[in-house]
């Protein structure tokens, strides 16, 4: 009816996408109730039933996905479950939510608990196999796991820093000992010379070996947190860096003394 059409247009407030969503909502209710006609009163009732639903491309959608992500980051399983349920009830695509949950595992759990990636990927696969509503339970299990897991964004921040550095300057050459040397000519030029094969070193670690370009030696990008597995990772890296420092110190002590200036040929007398 014309009055129902006018009501929907008014509620859309000039947003074509919102108008389409409102029409879809009213039609869905009409089909559910097997309504013979849609007048203004019916449209008002249908919109009231679906008022909790949001425009899937609008502000409420992004507010709620933000709330879900921040609830996981803030270690609140109850809030994470609430916002997940709100979004699913509001018509969000479960596959989109599954992808976002995987992203949360990578960005906010990171190496503090690498199992989180597998949990979220398994949840996404489970949803693909079961569909709704059963598959949504797998997503709910995943957000609870993420919310309760130890948190770290150390690897995420490290990669962001490296990316920014590479975009700014890509001119640093590969050190000669790290270069591939498939031909005799390349070997004669020093490609791969003096490379130390880590598996042949004590404890499988070539202490003191250089892997960054010369201009970046000593630069640190990844700093592990003390959360979850990263605490052990940090302890291991600290031990390896201590071995590097010992080799560097020993090399400095074994280096020949620098040549001193020869006495002045005039014996120090004024010319």
C-alpha atoms as a PDB file:
ATOM      1  CA  UNK A   1       0.000   0.000   0.000  1.00  0.00           C
ATOM      2  CA  UNK A   2       1.074   3.587  -0.613  1.00  0.00           C
ATOM      3  CA  UNK A   3       0.963   4.500   3.070  1.00  0.00           C
ATOM      4  CA  UNK A   4       3.250   1.556   3.928  1.00  0.00           C
ATOM      5  CA  UNK A   5       5.617   2.603   1.165  1.00  0.00           C
ATOM      6  CA  UNK A   6       5.723   6.151   2.530  1.00  0.00           C
ATOM      7  CA  UNK A   7       6.453   4.822   6.021  1.00  0.00           C
ATOM      8  CA  UNK A   8       9.408   2.780   4.819  1.00  0.00           C
ATOM      9  CA  UNK A   9      10.817   5.643   2.765  1.00  0.00           C
ATOM     10  CA  UNK A  10      10.565   7.936   5.763  1.00  0.00           C
ATOM     11  CA  UNK A  11      12.335   5.453   8.027  1.00  0.00           C
ATOM     12  CA  UNK A  12      15.123   5.015   5.484  1.00  0.00           C
ATOM     13  CA  UNK A  13      15.952   8.728   5.795  1.00  0.00           C
ATOM     14  CA  UNK A  14      17.375   8.939   2.292  1.00  0.00           C
ATOM     15  CA  UNK A  15      19.607   5.856   2.625  1.00  0.00           C
ATOM     16  CA  UNK A  16      18.889   3.451  -0.252  1.00  0.00           C
ATOM     17  CA  UNK A  17      20.625   0.527   1.432  1.00  0.00           C
ATOM     18  CA  UNK A  18      18.612   1.041   4.585  1.00  0.00           C
ATOM     19  CA  UNK A  19      15.398   1.218   2.553  1.00  0.00           C
ATOM     20  CA  UNK A  20      16.189  -2.140   0.944  1.00  0.00           C
ATOM     21  CA  UNK A  21      16.846  -3.670   4.362  1.00  0.00           C
ATOM     22  CA  UNK A  22      13.585  -2.280   5.745  1.00  0.00           C
ATOM     23  CA  UNK A  23      11.632  -3.670   2.796  1.00  0.00           C
ATOM     24  CA  UNK A  24      13.308  -7.056   3.274  1.00  0.00           C
ATOM     25  CA  UNK A  25      12.403  -7.055   6.960  1.00  0.00           C
ATOM     26  CA  UNK A  26       8.731  -6.236   6.326  1.00  0.00           C
ATOM     27  CA  UNK A  27       8.455  -8.823   3.546  1.00  0.00           C
ATOM     28  CA  UNK A  28      10.038 -11.477   5.773  1.00  0.00           C
ATOM     29  CA  UNK A  29       7.451 -10.828   8.491  1.00  0.00           C
ATOM     30  CA  UNK A  30       4.646 -10.813   5.904  1.00  0.00           C
ATOM     31  CA  UNK A  31       5.725 -14.211   4.598  1.00  0.00           C
ATOM     32  CA  UNK A  32       6.071 -15.587   8.098  1.00  0.00           C
ATOM     33  CA  UNK A  33       2.550 -14.452   8.988  1.00  0.00           C
ATOM     34  CA  UNK A  34       1.175 -15.173   5.502  1.00  0.00           C
ATOM     35  CA  UNK A  35      -0.218 -11.629   5.316  1.00  0.00           C
ATOM     36  CA  UNK A  36      -2.514 -10.938   2.358  1.00  0.00           C
ATOM     37  CA  UNK A  37      -1.543  -7.260   2.167  1.00  0.00           C
ATOM     38  CA  UNK A  38       0.969  -4.844   3.632  1.00  0.00           C
ATOM     39  CA  UNK A  39      -0.563  -1.600   4.870  1.00  0.00           C
ATOM     40  CA  UNK A  40       0.886   1.077   7.120  1.00  0.00           C
ATOM     41  CA  UNK A  41      -0.223  -0.632  10.338  1.00  0.00           C
ATOM     42  CA  UNK A  42       1.296  -3.956   9.296  1.00  0.00           C
ATOM     43  CA  UNK A  43       4.555  -2.286   8.258  1.00  0.00           C
ATOM     44  CA  UNK A  44       4.791  -0.501  11.610  1.00  0.00           C
ATOM     45  CA  UNK A  45       4.282  -3.774  13.457  1.00  0.00           C
ATOM     46  CA  UNK A  46       6.839  -5.582  11.308  1.00  0.00           C
ATOM     47  CA  UNK A  47       9.438  -2.883  11.897  1.00  0.00           C
ATOM     48  CA  UNK A  48       8.752  -3.006  15.635  1.00  0.00           C
ATOM     49  CA  UNK A  49       9.437  -6.752  15.612  1.00  0.00           C
ATOM     50  CA  UNK A  50      12.765  -6.263  13.864  1.00  0.00           C
ATOM     51  CA  UNK A  51      13.875  -3.022  15.503  1.00  0.00           C
ATOM     52  CA  UNK A  52      16.848  -4.846  17.035  1.00  0.00           C
ATOM     53  CA  UNK A  53      18.136  -5.613  13.560  1.00  0.00           C
ATOM     54  CA  UNK A  54      20.767  -3.347  12.085  1.00  0.00           C
ATOM     55  CA  UNK A  55      21.751  -2.110   8.657  1.00  0.00           C
ATOM     56  CA  UNK A  56      24.472  -4.591   7.719  1.00  0.00           C
ATOM     57  CA  UNK A  57      26.588  -1.858   6.168  1.00  0.00           C
ATOM     58  CA  UNK A  58      25.728   0.922   8.598  1.00  0.00           C
ATOM     59  CA  UNK A  59      26.999   2.452  11.801  1.00  0.00           C
ATOM     60  CA  UNK A  60      25.439  -0.047  14.208  1.00  0.00           C
ATOM     61  CA  UNK A  61      27.103  -2.916  12.371  1.00  0.00           C
ATOM     62  CA  UNK A  62      30.575  -1.438  12.796  1.00  0.00           C
ATOM     63  CA  UNK A  63      29.851  -0.355  16.367  1.00  0.00           C
ATOM     64  CA  UNK A  64      28.893  -3.894  17.307  1.00  0.00           C
ATOM     65  CA  UNK A  65      31.815  -5.601  15.578  1.00  0.00           C
ATOM     66  CA  UNK A  66      34.057  -3.083  17.350  1.00  0.00           C
ATOM     67  CA  UNK A  67      32.425  -3.974  20.669  1.00  0.00           C
ATOM     68  CA  UNK A  68      32.938  -7.687  19.983  1.00  0.00           C
ATOM     69  CA  UNK A  69      36.611  -7.229  19.113  1.00  0.00           C
ATOM     70  CA  UNK A  70      37.287  -5.017  22.125  1.00  0.00           C
ATOM     71  CA  UNK A  71      35.479  -7.403  24.468  1.00  0.00           C
ATOM     72  CA  UNK A  72      37.745 -10.229  23.307  1.00  0.00           C
ATOM     73  CA  UNK A  73      40.812  -8.011  23.666  1.00  0.00           C
ATOM     74  CA  UNK A  74      39.641  -6.977  27.122  1.00  0.00           C
ATOM     75  CA  UNK A  75      39.304 -10.627  28.257  1.00  0.00           C
ATOM     76  CA  UNK A  76      35.540 -10.455  28.840  1.00  0.00           C
ATOM     77  CA  UNK A  77      33.980 -13.722  27.619  1.00  0.00           C
ATOM     78  CA  UNK A  78      30.516 -12.637  28.753  1.00  0.00           C
ATOM     79  CA  UNK A  79      30.584  -9.420  26.743  1.00  0.00           C
ATOM     80  CA  UNK A  80      32.124 -11.198  23.755  1.00  0.00           C
ATOM     81  CA  UNK A  81      29.293 -13.735  23.755  1.00  0.00           C
ATOM     82  CA  UNK A  82      26.708 -10.983  24.092  1.00  0.00           C
ATOM     83  CA  UNK A  83      27.955  -8.985  21.102  1.00  0.00           C
ATOM     84  CA  UNK A  84      28.371 -12.113  19.003  1.00  0.00           C
ATOM     85  CA  UNK A  85      24.771 -13.088  19.741  1.00  0.00           C
ATOM     86  CA  UNK A  86      23.565  -9.546  19.034  1.00  0.00           C
ATOM     87  CA  UNK A  87      25.231  -9.545  15.645  1.00  0.00           C
ATOM     88  CA  UNK A  88      24.008 -12.998  14.672  1.00  0.00           C
ATOM     89  CA  UNK A  89      20.503 -12.130  15.824  1.00  0.00           C
ATOM     90  CA  UNK A  90      20.717  -8.896  13.858  1.00  0.00           C
ATOM     91  CA  UNK A  91      21.487 -10.676  10.614  1.00  0.00           C
ATOM     92  CA  UNK A  92      25.273 -10.422  10.396  1.00  0.00           C
ATOM     93  CA  UNK A  93      26.877 -12.924   8.036  1.00  0.00           C
ATOM     94  CA  UNK A  94      28.354 -15.700  10.230  1.00  0.00           C
ATOM     95  CA  UNK A  95      31.149 -16.199   7.679  1.00  0.00           C
ATOM     96  CA  UNK A  96      32.167 -12.570   8.053  1.00  0.00           C
ATOM     97  CA  UNK A  97      32.178 -12.985  11.827  1.00  0.00           C
ATOM     98  CA  UNK A  98      34.265 -16.152  11.490  1.00  0.00           C
ATOM     99  CA  UNK A  99      36.874 -14.234   9.481  1.00  0.00           C
ATOM    100  CA  UNK A 100      36.944 -11.443  12.046  1.00  0.00           C
ATOM    101  CA  UNK A 101      37.385 -13.957  14.861  1.00  0.00           C
ATOM    102  CA  UNK A 102      40.418 -15.433  13.080  1.00  0.00           C
ATOM    103  CA  UNK A 103      41.789 -11.909  12.743  1.00  0.00           C
ATOM    104  CA  UNK A 104      41.330 -11.357  16.493  1.00  0.00           C
ATOM    105  CA  UNK A 105      43.369 -14.476  17.204  1.00  0.00           C
ATOM    106  CA  UNK A 106      46.233 -13.206  15.067  1.00  0.00           C
ATOM    107  CA  UNK A 107      46.190  -9.566  16.160  1.00  0.00           C
ATOM    108  CA  UNK A 108      45.369  -9.775  19.851  1.00  0.00           C
ATOM    109  CA  UNK A 109      46.315 -13.273  21.025  1.00  0.00           C
ATOM    110  CA  UNK A 110      49.330 -13.747  18.793  1.00  0.00           C
ATOM    111  CA  UNK A 111      52.177 -15.888  20.068  1.00  0.00           C
ATOM    112  CA  UNK A 112      50.931 -15.721  23.641  1.00  0.00           C
ATOM    113  CA  UNK A 113      48.740 -18.683  22.615  1.00  0.00           C
ATOM    114  CA  UNK A 114      49.223 -19.846  18.992  1.00  0.00           C
ATOM    115  CA  UNK A 115      46.557 -22.513  19.568  1.00  0.00           C
ATOM    116  CA  UNK A 116      44.016 -19.706  19.276  1.00  0.00           C
ATOM    117  CA  UNK A 117      44.563 -19.598  15.510  1.00  0.00           C
ATOM    118  CA  UNK A 118      43.709 -23.278  15.200  1.00  0.00           C
ATOM    119  CA  UNK A 119      40.650 -22.877  17.417  1.00  0.00           C
ATOM    120  CA  UNK A 120      39.285 -20.056  15.269  1.00  0.00           C
ATOM    121  CA  UNK A 121      40.069 -21.777  11.968  1.00  0.00           C
ATOM    122  CA  UNK A 122      38.388 -24.942  13.215  1.00  0.00           C
ATOM    123  CA  UNK A 123      35.363 -22.896  14.276  1.00  0.00           C
ATOM    124  CA  UNK A 124      35.116 -21.346  10.814  1.00  0.00           C
ATOM    125  CA  UNK A 125      35.367 -24.779   9.189  1.00  0.00           C
ATOM    126  CA  UNK A 126      32.780 -26.205  11.566  1.00  0.00           C
ATOM    127  CA  UNK A 127      30.359 -23.455  10.608  1.00  0.00           C
ATOM    128  CA  UNK A 128      30.886 -24.265   6.927  1.00  0.00           C
ATOM    129  CA  UNK A 129      30.017 -27.905   7.610  1.00  0.00           C
ATOM    130  CA  UNK A 130      27.038 -27.347   9.904  1.00  0.00           C
ATOM    131  CA  UNK A 131      25.660 -23.961   8.912  1.00  0.00           C
ATOM    132  CA  UNK A 132      23.225 -22.074  11.150  1.00  0.00           C
ATOM    133  CA  UNK A 133      22.190 -22.375  13.864  1.00  0.00           C
ATOM    134  CA  UNK A 134      24.377 -25.303  14.999  1.00  0.00           C
ATOM    135  CA  UNK A 135      27.548 -23.889  13.462  1.00  0.00           C
ATOM    136  CA  UNK A 136      27.115 -20.648  15.397  1.00  0.00           C
ATOM    137  CA  UNK A 137      27.941 -22.562  18.578  1.00  0.00           C
ATOM    138  CA  UNK A 138      31.434 -23.176  17.206  1.00  0.00           C
ATOM    139  CA  UNK A 139      31.870 -19.417  16.754  1.00  0.00           C
ATOM    140  CA  UNK A 140      30.685 -18.829  20.313  1.00  0.00           C
ATOM    141  CA  UNK A 141      33.230 -21.344  21.631  1.00  0.00           C
ATOM    142  CA  UNK A 142      35.953 -19.568  19.684  1.00  0.00           C
ATOM    143  CA  UNK A 143      35.189 -16.096  21.083  1.00  0.00           C
ATOM    144  CA  UNK A 144      35.109 -17.485  24.634  1.00  0.00           C
ATOM    145  CA  UNK A 145      38.505 -19.128  24.068  1.00  0.00           C
ATOM    146  CA  UNK A 146      39.967 -15.900  22.682  1.00  0.00           C
ATOM    147  CA  UNK A 147      38.584 -13.794  25.505  1.00  0.00           C
ATOM    148  CA  UNK A 148      40.095 -16.137  28.109  1.00  0.00           C
ATOM    149  CA  UNK A 149      43.443 -16.597  26.343  1.00  0.00           C
ATOM    150  CA  UNK A 150      46.620 -14.647  27.212  1.00  0.00           C
ATOM    151  CA  UNK A 151      47.037 -11.604  25.002  1.00  0.00           C
ATOM    152  CA  UNK A 152      49.912 -10.282  22.902  1.00  0.00           C
ATOM    153  CA  UNK A 153      50.148  -7.963  19.929  1.00  0.00           C
ATOM    154  CA  UNK A 154      53.958  -8.051  19.910  1.00  0.00           C
ATOM    155  CA  UNK A 155      54.302  -9.886  16.583  1.00  0.00           C
ATOM    156  CA  UNK A 156      51.578  -7.720  15.036  1.00  0.00           C
ATOM    157  CA  UNK A 157      53.364  -4.537  16.104  1.00  0.00           C
ATOM    158  CA  UNK A 158      56.741  -5.874  14.981  1.00  0.00           C
ATOM    159  CA  UNK A 159      55.455  -6.661  11.495  1.00  0.00           C
ATOM    160  CA  UNK A 160      53.794  -3.245  11.238  1.00  0.00           C
ATOM    161  CA  UNK A 161      57.101  -1.586  12.138  1.00  0.00           C
ATOM    162  CA  UNK A 162      59.039  -3.662   9.607  1.00  0.00           C
ATOM    163  CA  UNK A 163      56.479  -2.961   6.890  1.00  0.00           C
ATOM    164  CA  UNK A 164      56.769   0.776   7.487  1.00  0.00           C
ATOM    165  CA  UNK A 165      60.569   0.531   7.352  1.00  0.00           C
ATOM    166  CA  UNK A 166      60.538  -1.455   4.103  1.00  0.00           C
ATOM    167  CA  UNK A 167      58.124   0.974   2.451  1.00  0.00           C
ATOM    168  CA  UNK A 168      60.412   3.835   3.455  1.00  0.00           C
ATOM    169  CA  UNK A 169      63.684   2.206   2.371  1.00  0.00           C
ATOM    170  CA  UNK A 170      64.159  -0.947   0.283  1.00  0.00           C
ATOM    171  CA  UNK A 171      67.782  -0.303  -0.703  1.00  0.00           C
ATOM    172  CA  UNK A 172      69.639  -2.440   1.843  1.00  0.00           C
ATOM    173  CA  UNK A 173      71.480  -5.267   0.017  1.00  0.00           C
ATOM    174  CA  UNK A 174      71.491  -8.887   1.151  1.00  0.00           C
ATOM    175  CA  UNK A 175      74.758  -9.634   3.015  1.00  0.00           C
ATOM    176  CA  UNK A 176      77.158 -11.660   0.857  1.00  0.00           C
ATOM    177  CA  UNK A 177      77.208 -14.724   3.116  1.00  0.00           C
ATOM    178  CA  UNK A 178      73.396 -15.015   2.911  1.00  0.00           C
ATOM    179  CA  UNK A 179      73.194 -14.860  -0.867  1.00  0.00           C
ATOM    180  CA  UNK A 180      72.343 -17.844  -3.006  1.00  0.00           C
ATOM    181  CA  UNK A 181      75.267 -19.189  -5.042  1.00  0.00           C
ATOM    182  CA  UNK A 182      74.003 -21.681  -7.645  1.00  0.00           C
ATOM    183  CA  UNK A 183      76.848 -20.996 -10.115  1.00  0.00           C
ATOM    184  CA  UNK A 184      80.653 -21.015  -9.949  1.00  0.00           C
ATOM    185  CA  UNK A 185      80.751 -17.376 -10.966  1.00  0.00           C
ATOM    186  CA  UNK A 186      78.569 -16.378  -8.036  1.00  0.00           C
ATOM    187  CA  UNK A 187      80.734 -18.406  -5.672  1.00  0.00           C
ATOM    188  CA  UNK A 188      83.850 -16.757  -7.079  1.00  0.00           C
ATOM    189  CA  UNK A 189      82.258 -13.385  -6.325  1.00  0.00           C
ATOM    190  CA  UNK A 190      81.826 -14.378  -2.703  1.00  0.00           C
ATOM    191  CA  UNK A 191      78.140 -15.248  -2.743  1.00  0.00           C
ATOM    192  CA  UNK A 192      77.406 -17.529   0.223  1.00  0.00           C
ATOM    193  CA  UNK A 193      81.006 -17.390   1.452  1.00  0.00           C
ATOM    194  CA  UNK A 194      81.523 -18.086   5.169  1.00  0.00           C
ATOM    195  CA  UNK A 195      77.852 -18.862   5.737  1.00  0.00           C
ATOM    196  CA  UNK A 196      77.434 -20.876   8.934  1.00  0.00           C
ATOM    197  CA  UNK A 197      74.926 -23.732   8.715  1.00  0.00           C
ATOM    198  CA  UNK A 198      73.020 -23.503  11.998  1.00  0.00           C
ATOM    199  CA  UNK A 199      72.325 -27.244  12.219  1.00  0.00           C
ATOM    200  CA  UNK A 200      76.056 -27.910  12.386  1.00  0.00           C
ATOM    201  CA  UNK A 201      76.575 -25.449  15.242  1.00  0.00           C
ATOM    202  CA  UNK A 202      76.351 -26.114  18.978  1.00  0.00           C
ATOM    203  CA  UNK A 203      72.687 -26.390  20.019  1.00  0.00           C
ATOM    204  CA  UNK A 204      71.710 -25.660  16.431  1.00  0.00           C
ATOM    205  CA  UNK A 205      72.506 -21.963  16.761  1.00  0.00           C
ATOM    206  CA  UNK A 206      75.225 -19.992  14.970  1.00  0.00           C
ATOM    207  CA  UNK A 207      76.005 -17.541  17.744  1.00  0.00           C
ATOM    208  CA  UNK A 208      77.091 -14.143  16.485  1.00  0.00           C
ATOM    209  CA  UNK A 209      75.946 -14.736  12.905  1.00  0.00           C
ATOM    210  CA  UNK A 210      74.538 -11.716  11.067  1.00  0.00           C
ATOM    211  CA  UNK A 211      71.227 -11.966   9.221  1.00  0.00           C
ATOM    212  CA  UNK A 212      70.041  -8.366   8.869  1.00  0.00           C
ATOM    213  CA  UNK A 213      71.521  -5.994   6.283  1.00  0.00           C
ATOM    214  CA  UNK A 214      74.671  -4.222   7.475  1.00  0.00           C
ATOM    215  CA  UNK A 215      72.851  -0.942   8.102  1.00  0.00           C
ATOM    216  CA  UNK A 216      70.311  -2.640  10.365  1.00  0.00           C
ATOM    217  CA  UNK A 217      72.598  -4.810  12.497  1.00  0.00           C
ATOM    218  CA  UNK A 218      71.413  -4.718  16.096  1.00  0.00           C
ATOM    219  CA  UNK A 219      67.941  -3.459  15.219  1.00  0.00           C
ATOM    220  CA  UNK A 220      65.171  -5.115  17.228  1.00  0.00           C
ATOM    221  CA  UNK A 221      61.612  -5.310  15.948  1.00  0.00           C
ATOM    222  CA  UNK A 222      60.049  -8.152  17.925  1.00  0.00           C
ATOM    223  CA  UNK A 223      59.887  -7.731  21.693  1.00  0.00           C
ATOM    224  CA  UNK A 224      57.973 -10.600  23.324  1.00  0.00           C
ATOM    225  CA  UNK A 225      55.576  -9.913  26.162  1.00  0.00           C
ATOM    226  CA  UNK A 226      55.607 -11.874  29.415  1.00  0.00           C
ATOM    227  CA  UNK A 227      52.175 -13.332  28.636  1.00  0.00           C
ATOM    228  CA  UNK A 228      51.531 -17.002  27.957  1.00  0.00           C
ATOM    229  CA  UNK A 229      53.931 -18.792  25.623  1.00  0.00           C
ATOM    230  CA  UNK A 230      55.685 -15.520  24.776  1.00  0.00           C
ATOM    231  CA  UNK A 231      57.292 -15.509  28.202  1.00  0.00           C
ATOM    232  CA  UNK A 232      59.189 -18.672  27.217  1.00  0.00           C
ATOM    233  CA  UNK A 233      59.948 -17.213  23.791  1.00  0.00           C
ATOM    234  CA  UNK A 234      61.389 -14.122  25.462  1.00  0.00           C
ATOM    235  CA  UNK A 235      63.577 -16.222  27.753  1.00  0.00           C
ATOM    236  CA  UNK A 236      64.928 -18.202  24.806  1.00  0.00           C
ATOM    237  CA  UNK A 237      65.686 -15.072  22.773  1.00  0.00           C
ATOM    238  CA  UNK A 238      67.426 -13.510  25.759  1.00  0.00           C
ATOM    239  CA  UNK A 239      69.665 -16.571  26.027  1.00  0.00           C
ATOM    240  CA  UNK A 240      70.505 -16.514  22.317  1.00  0.00           C
ATOM    241  CA  UNK A 241      71.313 -12.811  22.410  1.00  0.00           C
ATOM    242  CA  UNK A 242      73.588 -13.379  25.401  1.00  0.00           C
ATOM    243  CA  UNK A 243      75.496 -15.942  23.345  1.00  0.00           C
ATOM    244  CA  UNK A 244      75.701 -13.442  20.485  1.00  0.00           C
ATOM    245  CA  UNK A 245      77.123 -10.843  22.861  1.00  0.00           C
ATOM    246  CA  UNK A 246      79.738 -13.291  24.166  1.00  0.00           C
ATOM    247  CA  UNK A 247      80.898 -14.089  20.625  1.00  0.00           C
ATOM    248  CA  UNK A 248      81.035 -10.401  19.737  1.00  0.00           C
ATOM    249  CA  UNK A 249      83.061  -9.650  22.862  1.00  0.00           C
ATOM    250  CA  UNK A 250      85.460 -12.528  22.196  1.00  0.00           C
ATOM    251  CA  UNK A 251      85.924 -11.410  18.598  1.00  0.00           C
ATOM    252  CA  UNK A 252      86.748  -7.899  19.750  1.00  0.00           C
ATOM    253  CA  UNK A 253      89.370  -9.226  22.182  1.00  0.00           C
ATOM    254  CA  UNK A 254      90.959 -11.427  19.506  1.00  0.00           C
ATOM    255  CA  UNK A 255      91.121  -8.628  16.939  1.00  0.00           C
ATOM    256  CA  UNK A 256      94.663  -7.333  16.235  1.00  0.00           C
ATOM    257  CA  UNK A 257      95.434  -3.922  17.740  1.00  0.00           C
ATOM    258  CA  UNK A 258      94.961  -1.018  15.407  1.00  0.00           C
ATOM    259  CA  UNK A 259      98.098   0.425  13.889  1.00  0.00           C
ATOM    260  CA  UNK A 260      99.483   3.454  15.746  1.00  0.00           C
ATOM    261  CA  UNK A 261     100.771   6.515  14.004  1.00  0.00           C
ATOM    262  CA  UNK A 262     104.516   6.358  13.221  1.00  0.00           C
ATOM    263  CA  UNK A 263     106.796   8.837  14.969  1.00  0.00           C
ATOM    264  CA  UNK A 264     107.265  12.105  13.201  1.00  0.00           C
ATOM    265  CA  UNK A 265     110.260  11.870  10.864  1.00  0.00           C
ATOM    266  CA  UNK A 266     111.574  15.075  12.321  1.00  0.00           C
ATOM    267  CA  UNK A 267     111.734  13.540  15.781  1.00  0.00           C
ATOM    268  CA  UNK A 268     109.157  15.999  16.984  1.00  0.00           C
ATOM    269  CA  UNK A 269     111.372  19.005  16.192  1.00  0.00           C
ATOM    270  CA  UNK A 270     109.910  22.039  14.598  1.00  0.00           C
ATOM    271  CA  UNK A 271     110.697  22.155  10.877  1.00  0.00           C
END
